[in-house]
Amino acid sequence: MTSASSFLPLWDRAAEWKRRLDMIHGATSFLYLSTYYVEYDAYGIELLAALLAAQQRGVAVNLLVDGFGQILGGVLMSAESKAALASRFDALRAAGAVVTVYRPGRYLQRLLGGGQHVKIQVSEAGEAIFGSSNITASSFEGWNEYSVSVRGPVVPELLESYRGIGGAVAESHLESLRTVPGDTAADLSLDFWICNPNALQGGCGPLGWRGQNIVTDRLVEMVDAARASLEITSFYFKPVEPLLAAVVRAARRGVQVEVYHSHRDALPATDLAWIAAAANYHRLWKAGVRVYENRHGEHSKIMLIDRHWVAFGSYNFEDAAHDRLAEAMLASRDPRVVEPAAAIFELLSRHADNALATAKGLAGLPARVKVKRAMLGRFKRWM
């Protein structure tokens, strides 16, 4: 259990981007940022330029990206853009910044997509931005995302977790965050859950791994506690079996369950993630779950229980979030945290981008898509 002295929801895309840049521009001592990947587009270029300027004026800049995430992000970039991005990273390193590309220690973990998916940004001012966004135009102009700005005791805890996802943190920076002057009383209770399964596995990596993932376990507990309503957003909703089974149980005992995730056209590079999600549609529908698809893309990760308990962060509802990727979530029952999330679901329920997925719609898909779903859906774990 931890706490915050202030909490600001950042659903609006422009507001989050401004907050991120303002933190970097205003940093005077240190700046830490972790992300799954940076794309070489207007957003990636602007952020990396701001980080370089900060380092050059004496700020200790620490950037952590994921090796596998950068490979996936590279699918969207030309060879020239990837080379230019590498040059930007090199320029940061040459200026004295710490730029770390996280790769798990074991070969099979790297081969099967192991990595870190946590998004944290912290400066010496005592503010942290935590949530779902990557550094890409998709996160700030395309998909829905949800991040928050927090202050108080939760901030050093977030930064300390940076070590467990492949980053290095100076102890003096942590200590300074514990005594930030002018911070008000921290009366907002939060739970912070983080797990890096790569640190728990043996030589076979995720293959045959049956270890405990505290984030998955806590989310299952939340779902099992639902009595009236369960509302979820996810990039593509294809959770690991224990979590999927909990959602089905909830619907069968009369809980109103709604899931908002992305349409198959929201990810231009491939429809495999949607196929993995659609493989479970009939199971969800049979239990009474309503599934909505967002054509522009839903990349936030929010779970709201009975409109009085919420969790949000980086955890995609997929197998990889359980056994391959480091993920983190914040959770709270405080109305100041719950009410913004409830407002988001109210907005999603009315938004024209969200269409109800139905058996009729599935039956009307092109034959090639139905064949791919039938053939590849069984490999959901790896898609």
Protein backbone atom coordinates (compact mmCIF):
# COMPACT_ATOMS: atom_id res chain seq x y z
CA MET A 1 0.00 0.00 0.00
CA THR A 2 1.27 3.48 -0.89
CA SER A 3 -0.26 6.93 -1.20
CA ALA A 4 -0.33 10.14 -3.22
CA SER A 5 -0.71 13.77 -2.31
CA SER A 6 -2.13 14.71 -5.70
CA PHE A 7 -3.70 12.86 -8.61
CA LEU A 8 -4.36 14.22 -12.10
CA PRO A 9 -5.97 11.98 -14.78
CA LEU A 10 -4.47 12.36 -18.27
CA TRP A 11 -7.01 10.92 -20.69
CA ASP A 12 -6.74 13.90 -23.03
CA ARG A 13 -3.89 13.20 -25.45
CA ALA A 14 -2.65 16.78 -25.83
CA ALA A 15 -2.73 17.30 -22.07
CA GLU A 16 -0.53 14.27 -21.41
CA TRP A 17 1.96 15.22 -24.11
CA LYS A 18 2.27 18.76 -22.76
CA ARG A 19 2.71 17.41 -19.23
CA ARG A 20 5.52 15.13 -20.36
CA LEU A 21 7.38 17.87 -22.21
CA ASP A 22 6.86 20.40 -19.42
CA MET A 23 8.45 17.96 -16.97
CA ILE A 24 11.47 17.49 -19.22
CA HIS A 25 11.86 21.20 -19.96
CA GLY A 26 11.56 22.03 -16.27
CA ALA A 27 13.91 19.36 -14.96
CA THR A 28 16.99 20.72 -13.17
CA SER A 29 18.60 17.64 -11.59
CA PHE A 30 17.39 14.29 -12.98
CA LEU A 31 14.84 12.80 -15.35
CA TYR A 32 13.89 9.13 -15.74
CA LEU A 33 11.67 7.77 -18.51
CA SER A 34 10.76 4.17 -19.35
CA THR A 35 8.70 3.13 -22.36
CA TYR A 36 8.09 0.09 -24.54
CA TYR A 37 9.32 1.83 -27.66
CA VAL A 38 10.08 5.18 -29.23
CA GLU A 39 8.97 5.77 -32.79
CA TYR A 40 10.93 8.07 -35.06
CA ASP A 41 8.05 10.42 -35.79
CA ALA A 42 7.24 13.98 -34.71
CA TYR A 43 6.65 12.85 -31.12
CA GLY A 44 9.76 10.72 -30.80
CA ILE A 45 11.91 13.42 -32.37
CA GLU A 46 10.54 16.16 -30.10
CA LEU A 47 10.91 14.10 -26.94
CA LEU A 48 14.45 12.95 -27.72
CA ALA A 49 15.45 16.53 -28.56
CA ALA A 50 14.05 17.67 -25.21
CA LEU A 51 15.95 14.92 -23.39
CA LEU A 52 19.19 15.88 -25.15
CA ALA A 53 18.72 19.55 -24.27
CA ALA A 54 18.08 18.57 -20.64
CA GLN A 55 21.23 16.46 -20.51
CA GLN A 56 23.27 19.26 -22.06
CA ARG A 57 22.14 21.71 -19.39
CA GLY A 58 23.25 19.35 -16.63
CA VAL A 59 20.21 17.14 -15.97
CA ALA A 60 21.01 13.46 -15.39
CA VAL A 61 18.81 11.84 -18.06
CA ASN A 62 17.97 8.13 -17.92
CA LEU A 63 15.96 6.58 -20.78
CA LEU A 64 14.88 2.94 -20.74
CA VAL A 65 13.34 1.28 -23.81
CA ASP A 66 12.53 -2.35 -24.49
CA GLY A 67 14.57 -4.28 -27.03
CA PHE A 68 11.68 -6.38 -28.34
CA GLY A 69 9.35 -3.39 -28.22
CA GLN A 70 11.73 -1.42 -30.43
CA ILE A 71 11.78 -4.30 -32.90
CA LEU A 72 7.97 -4.31 -33.05
CA GLY A 73 7.90 -0.52 -33.32
CA GLY A 74 10.48 -0.77 -36.09
CA VAL A 75 7.91 -2.52 -38.27
CA LEU A 76 6.29 0.91 -38.64
CA MET A 77 9.56 2.65 -39.55
CA SER A 78 11.70 2.74 -42.68
CA ALA A 79 15.36 1.69 -42.57
CA GLU A 80 16.28 5.37 -42.74
CA SER A 81 14.05 6.23 -39.78
CA LYS A 82 15.47 3.37 -37.70
CA ALA A 83 18.98 4.57 -38.46
CA ALA A 84 18.06 8.14 -37.56
CA LEU A 85 16.51 6.96 -34.28
CA ALA A 86 19.65 4.99 -33.40
CA SER A 87 21.66 8.14 -34.11
CA ARG A 88 19.46 10.09 -31.67
CA PHE A 89 20.05 7.47 -28.98
CA ASP A 90 23.78 7.65 -29.65
CA ALA A 91 23.72 11.44 -29.36
CA LEU A 92 22.07 11.13 -25.95
CA ARG A 93 24.71 8.66 -24.81
CA ALA A 94 27.51 10.87 -26.15
CA ALA A 95 26.12 13.77 -24.11
CA GLY A 96 26.28 11.64 -20.96
CA ALA A 97 22.73 10.32 -20.70
CA VAL A 98 22.05 6.71 -19.69
CA VAL A 99 20.15 5.01 -22.52
CA THR A 100 19.32 1.39 -21.74
CA VAL A 101 17.76 -1.16 -24.07
CA TYR A 102 16.25 -3.86 -21.86
CA ARG A 103 16.66 -7.48 -22.91
CA PRO A 104 15.95 -10.41 -20.57
CA GLY A 105 18.93 -12.48 -19.54
CA ARG A 106 17.87 -15.80 -21.07
CA TYR A 107 17.92 -16.66 -24.77
CA LEU A 108 14.41 -18.15 -24.89
CA GLN A 109 12.99 -15.12 -23.12
CA ARG A 110 14.45 -12.84 -25.78
CA LEU A 111 13.40 -15.16 -28.60
CA LEU A 112 9.80 -15.34 -27.38
CA GLY A 113 9.30 -11.60 -26.85
CA GLY A 114 10.24 -11.14 -23.22
CA GLY A 115 10.76 -7.55 -22.15
CA GLN A 116 9.49 -4.64 -20.11
CA HIS A 117 6.25 -2.78 -20.86
CA VAL A 118 6.11 -0.32 -17.93
CA LYS A 119 5.78 3.42 -18.67
CA ILE A 120 7.11 5.73 -15.93
CA GLN A 121 8.42 9.29 -16.15
CA VAL A 122 9.84 11.03 -13.05
CA SER A 123 11.85 14.18 -12.31
CA GLU A 124 13.36 15.74 -9.20
CA ALA A 125 10.29 18.00 -8.91
CA GLY A 126 8.47 15.07 -7.29
CA GLU A 127 5.98 14.31 -10.05
CA ALA A 128 5.53 10.98 -11.84
CA ILE A 129 3.57 10.21 -15.00
CA PHE A 130 2.42 6.61 -15.11
CA GLY A 131 0.16 4.81 -17.56
CA SER A 132 -0.22 3.17 -20.95
CA SER A 133 1.33 5.54 -23.51
CA ASN A 134 4.32 4.83 -25.72
CA ILE A 135 6.33 7.58 -27.40
CA THR A 136 4.62 7.51 -30.77
CA ALA A 137 1.98 9.38 -32.74
CA SER A 138 -0.27 6.33 -32.34
CA SER A 139 -0.45 7.05 -28.60
CA PHE A 140 -1.02 10.78 -28.92
CA GLU A 141 -3.04 11.16 -32.12
CA GLY A 142 -4.62 7.76 -32.76
CA TRP A 143 -5.45 5.41 -29.92
CA ASN A 144 -7.14 6.05 -26.59
CA GLU A 145 -4.62 6.01 -23.73
CA TYR A 146 -4.83 6.57 -19.99
CA SER A 147 -2.02 7.94 -17.85
CA VAL A 148 -2.00 9.87 -14.61
CA SER A 149 0.23 12.45 -12.94
CA VAL A 150 0.88 11.79 -9.26
CA ARG A 151 2.88 13.30 -6.42
CA GLY A 152 3.75 12.07 -2.94
CA PRO A 153 5.12 8.78 -1.53
CA VAL A 154 4.07 6.81 -4.61
CA VAL A 155 6.65 8.67 -6.73
CA PRO A 156 9.84 7.20 -5.19
CA GLU A 157 8.12 3.81 -5.16
CA LEU A 158 7.47 4.10 -8.89
CA LEU A 159 11.05 5.12 -9.52
CA GLU A 160 12.45 2.37 -7.32
CA SER A 161 10.56 -0.16 -9.45
CA TYR A 162 12.57 1.09 -12.44
CA ARG A 163 15.39 -1.14 -11.20
CA GLY A 164 13.28 -4.25 -11.58
CA ILE A 165 12.53 -3.56 -15.24
CA GLY A 166 16.13 -3.16 -16.38
CA GLY A 167 17.00 0.39 -15.36
CA ALA A 168 19.53 1.86 -12.96
CA VAL A 169 18.50 4.42 -10.31
CA ALA A 170 20.79 6.60 -8.21
CA GLU A 171 20.05 6.18 -4.51
CA SER A 172 20.49 9.93 -4.00
CA HIS A 173 17.66 10.57 -6.47
CA LEU A 174 15.34 8.26 -4.58
CA GLU A 175 16.22 9.92 -1.30
CA SER A 176 15.55 13.39 -2.69
CA LEU A 177 12.09 12.28 -3.84
CA ARG A 178 11.25 11.09 -0.34
CA THR A 179 11.76 14.62 0.99
CA VAL A 180 10.38 16.84 -1.78
CA PRO A 181 9.69 20.24 -0.15
CA GLY A 182 6.20 21.68 -0.27
CA ASP A 183 4.38 18.39 -0.84
CA THR A 184 0.98 18.33 0.87
CA ALA A 185 -0.38 15.52 3.03
CA ALA A 186 -0.61 12.23 1.18
CA ASP A 187 -4.17 11.11 1.95
CA LEU A 188 -4.97 9.29 -1.29
CA SER A 189 -4.46 5.53 -0.85
CA LEU A 190 -3.06 3.50 -3.74
CA ASP A 191 -1.90 -0.03 -4.37
CA PHE A 192 1.07 -0.45 -6.70
CA TRP A 193 1.55 -3.84 -8.33
CA ILE A 194 4.52 -4.74 -10.52
CA CYS A 195 5.92 -8.01 -11.79
CA ASN A 196 8.76 -8.87 -14.17
CA PRO A 197 8.23 -12.56 -14.99
CA ASN A 198 11.59 -12.67 -16.77
CA ALA A 199 13.27 -12.34 -13.38
CA LEU A 200 11.36 -15.33 -12.02
CA GLN A 201 11.89 -17.88 -14.79
CA GLY A 202 14.50 -20.56 -15.46
CA GLY A 203 16.35 -21.46 -18.61
CA CYS A 204 13.16 -22.32 -20.53
CA GLY A 205 11.77 -18.83 -19.99
CA PRO A 206 7.98 -18.73 -20.29
CA LEU A 207 7.79 -22.27 -21.67
CA GLY A 208 6.19 -24.38 -18.98
CA TRP A 209 6.43 -21.56 -16.44
CA ARG A 210 3.78 -21.83 -13.73
CA GLY A 211 5.07 -19.15 -11.40
CA GLN A 212 3.06 -16.45 -9.69
CA ASN A 213 2.48 -13.08 -11.31
CA ILE A 214 1.24 -10.73 -8.61
CA VAL A 215 -0.37 -8.34 -11.11
CA THR A 216 -2.42 -11.11 -12.73
CA ASP A 217 -3.36 -12.48 -9.30
CA ARG A 218 -4.57 -9.10 -8.04
CA LEU A 219 -6.63 -8.50 -11.18
CA VAL A 220 -8.27 -11.92 -10.79
CA GLU A 221 -9.10 -11.02 -7.18
CA MET A 222 -10.69 -7.78 -8.35
CA VAL A 223 -12.83 -9.55 -10.94
CA ASP A 224 -13.92 -12.18 -8.42
CA ALA A 225 -15.00 -9.37 -6.08
CA ALA A 226 -17.31 -7.77 -8.66
CA ARG A 227 -21.00 -7.91 -7.77
CA ALA A 228 -22.77 -5.50 -10.13
CA SER A 229 -20.49 -4.29 -12.92
CA LEU A 230 -17.12 -4.97 -14.47
CA GLU A 231 -15.73 -2.62 -17.12
CA ILE A 232 -12.43 -3.17 -18.92
CA THR A 233 -10.38 -1.42 -21.57
CA SER A 234 -7.53 -3.17 -23.33
CA PHE A 235 -5.56 -2.94 -26.56
CA TYR A 236 -6.82 -6.37 -27.61
CA PHE A 237 -8.67 -8.36 -24.97
CA LYS A 238 -7.03 -11.81 -24.95
CA PRO A 239 -6.13 -12.40 -21.30
CA VAL A 240 -4.29 -15.34 -19.79
CA GLU A 241 -6.68 -18.18 -18.93
CA PRO A 242 -7.06 -17.54 -15.15
CA LEU A 243 -8.08 -13.95 -15.82
CA LEU A 244 -10.31 -14.85 -18.76
CA ALA A 245 -12.01 -17.52 -16.64
CA ALA A 246 -12.60 -14.98 -13.87
CA VAL A 247 -14.29 -12.60 -16.32
CA VAL A 248 -16.53 -15.40 -17.59
CA ARG A 249 -17.39 -16.38 -13.99
CA ALA A 250 -18.35 -12.81 -13.21
CA ALA A 251 -20.70 -12.59 -16.18
CA ARG A 252 -22.29 -15.94 -15.34
CA ARG A 253 -23.08 -14.86 -11.79
CA GLY A 254 -24.95 -11.83 -13.11
CA VAL A 255 -22.30 -9.12 -13.19
CA GLN A 256 -22.75 -6.72 -16.12
CA VAL A 257 -19.45 -7.08 -17.99
CA GLU A 258 -18.35 -4.72 -20.75
CA VAL A 259 -15.04 -4.87 -22.58
CA TYR A 260 -13.73 -2.10 -24.84
CA HIS A 261 -10.83 -2.98 -27.09
CA SER A 262 -9.50 -2.33 -30.59
CA HIS A 263 -11.01 -3.15 -33.97
CA ARG A 264 -8.92 -5.35 -36.27
CA ASP A 265 -8.20 -2.29 -38.49
CA ALA A 266 -6.70 -0.29 -35.59
CA LEU A 267 -3.32 -1.99 -36.00
CA PRO A 268 -2.41 -1.61 -39.70
CA ALA A 269 0.72 -3.79 -39.53
CA THR A 270 -1.17 -7.01 -38.66
CA ASP A 271 -4.54 -8.38 -37.62
CA LEU A 272 -3.07 -11.23 -35.56
CA ALA A 273 -3.70 -9.53 -32.21
CA TRP A 274 -7.38 -9.09 -33.10
CA ILE A 275 -7.59 -12.72 -34.28
CA ALA A 276 -6.23 -13.86 -30.91
CA ALA A 277 -8.87 -11.77 -29.15
CA ALA A 278 -11.70 -12.85 -31.45
CA ALA A 279 -10.86 -16.49 -30.76
CA ASN A 280 -12.62 -16.04 -27.40
CA TYR A 281 -15.61 -14.04 -28.59
CA HIS A 282 -18.11 -16.92 -28.53
CA ARG A 283 -17.01 -17.94 -25.03
CA LEU A 284 -17.46 -14.37 -23.81
CA TRP A 285 -20.79 -13.87 -25.58
CA LYS A 286 -22.16 -17.16 -24.22
CA ALA A 287 -21.45 -15.90 -20.69
CA GLY A 288 -23.15 -12.56 -21.42
CA VAL A 289 -20.10 -10.31 -21.88
CA ARG A 290 -20.57 -7.32 -24.17
CA VAL A 291 -17.51 -6.60 -26.31
CA TYR A 292 -16.99 -3.30 -28.12
CA GLU A 293 -14.41 -2.63 -30.83
CA ASN A 294 -12.85 0.79 -31.37
CA ARG A 295 -11.89 1.36 -35.00
CA HIS A 296 -9.31 4.01 -34.10
CA GLY A 297 -7.74 1.89 -31.34
CA GLU A 298 -8.15 1.42 -27.60
CA HIS A 299 -4.74 1.22 -25.92
CA SER A 300 -5.66 2.15 -22.34
CA LYS A 301 -5.64 -0.56 -19.67
CA ILE A 302 -8.37 0.10 -17.10
CA MET A 303 -10.42 -2.25 -14.92
CA LEU A 304 -13.35 -0.77 -12.99
CA ILE A 305 -15.22 -2.86 -10.42
CA ASP A 306 -18.74 -1.88 -9.33
CA ARG A 307 -17.84 1.77 -10.00
CA HIS A 308 -15.89 1.92 -6.72
CA TRP A 309 -12.57 0.12 -7.31
CA VAL A 310 -10.23 0.79 -10.23
CA ALA A 311 -6.88 -0.41 -11.56
CA PHE A 312 -4.95 1.07 -14.48
CA GLY A 313 -1.47 1.10 -15.95
CA SER A 314 0.51 -0.88 -18.51
CA TYR A 315 -0.91 -4.43 -18.17
CA ASN A 316 -2.36 -5.51 -21.50
CA PHE A 317 -4.97 -8.19 -21.01
CA GLU A 318 -2.97 -10.85 -22.86
CA ASP A 319 -0.78 -13.87 -22.16
CA ALA A 320 2.42 -11.88 -22.76
CA ALA A 321 1.51 -9.53 -19.89
CA HIS A 322 1.48 -12.55 -17.60
CA ASP A 323 4.55 -14.52 -18.63
CA ARG A 324 6.79 -12.39 -20.88
CA LEU A 325 6.52 -8.69 -20.09
CA ALA A 326 7.20 -6.67 -16.97
CA GLU A 327 3.92 -4.85 -16.22
CA ALA A 328 2.63 -2.53 -13.51
CA MET A 329 -0.74 -1.24 -12.30
CA LEU A 330 -1.99 1.28 -9.78
CA ALA A 331 -5.27 0.55 -8.00
CA SER A 332 -7.49 2.50 -5.62
CA ARG A 333 -10.93 2.74 -4.05
CA ASP A 334 -10.60 6.49 -3.47
CA PRO A 335 -13.42 8.38 -5.26
CA ARG A 336 -10.85 10.89 -6.57
CA VAL A 337 -9.28 8.05 -8.53
CA VAL A 338 -12.41 6.04 -9.31
CA GLU A 339 -14.59 8.87 -10.63
CA PRO A 340 -12.32 9.88 -13.56
CA ALA A 341 -12.24 6.23 -14.68
CA ALA A 342 -16.02 5.96 -14.40
CA ALA A 343 -16.32 9.11 -16.53
CA ILE A 344 -14.12 7.48 -19.18
CA PHE A 345 -16.44 4.47 -19.40
CA GLU A 346 -19.44 6.78 -19.66
CA LEU A 347 -17.71 8.47 -22.59
CA LEU A 348 -16.80 5.18 -24.25
CA SER A 349 -20.35 3.88 -23.96
CA ARG A 350 -21.60 6.87 -25.97
CA HIS A 351 -18.76 7.27 -28.44
CA ALA A 352 -19.44 6.48 -32.08
CA ASP A 353 -16.02 4.86 -32.50
CA ASN A 354 -17.13 1.91 -30.36
CA ALA A 355 -19.22 -0.72 -32.12
CA LEU A 356 -20.69 -3.76 -30.41
CA ALA A 357 -19.08 -6.97 -31.65
CA THR A 358 -21.71 -9.56 -32.60
CA ALA A 359 -21.88 -13.07 -33.98
CA LYS A 360 -23.56 -11.65 -37.08
CA GLY A 361 -20.67 -9.27 -37.62
CA LEU A 362 -18.18 -12.09 -37.18
CA ALA A 363 -20.07 -14.22 -39.69
CA GLY A 364 -19.99 -11.38 -42.20
CA LEU A 365 -16.21 -11.05 -42.24
CA PRO A 366 -14.26 -11.85 -45.43
CA ALA A 367 -13.59 -15.55 -45.88
CA ARG A 368 -9.83 -15.11 -45.57
CA VAL A 369 -10.26 -13.48 -42.14
CA LYS A 370 -12.54 -16.26 -40.93
CA VAL A 371 -10.04 -18.87 -42.11
CA LYS A 372 -7.19 -17.09 -40.30
CA ARG A 373 -9.28 -16.89 -37.13
CA ALA A 374 -10.12 -20.59 -37.29
CA MET A 375 -6.55 -21.65 -37.99
CA LEU A 376 -4.56 -19.23 -35.83
CA GLY A 377 -6.89 -18.58 -32.90
CA ARG A 378 -5.56 -21.66 -31.08
CA PHE A 379 -2.14 -19.93 -30.91
CA LYS A 380 -3.55 -16.98 -28.95
CA ARG A 381 -0.78 -17.17 -26.38
CA TRP A 382 1.83 -16.09 -28.91
CA MET A 383 -0.15 -13.45 -30.81
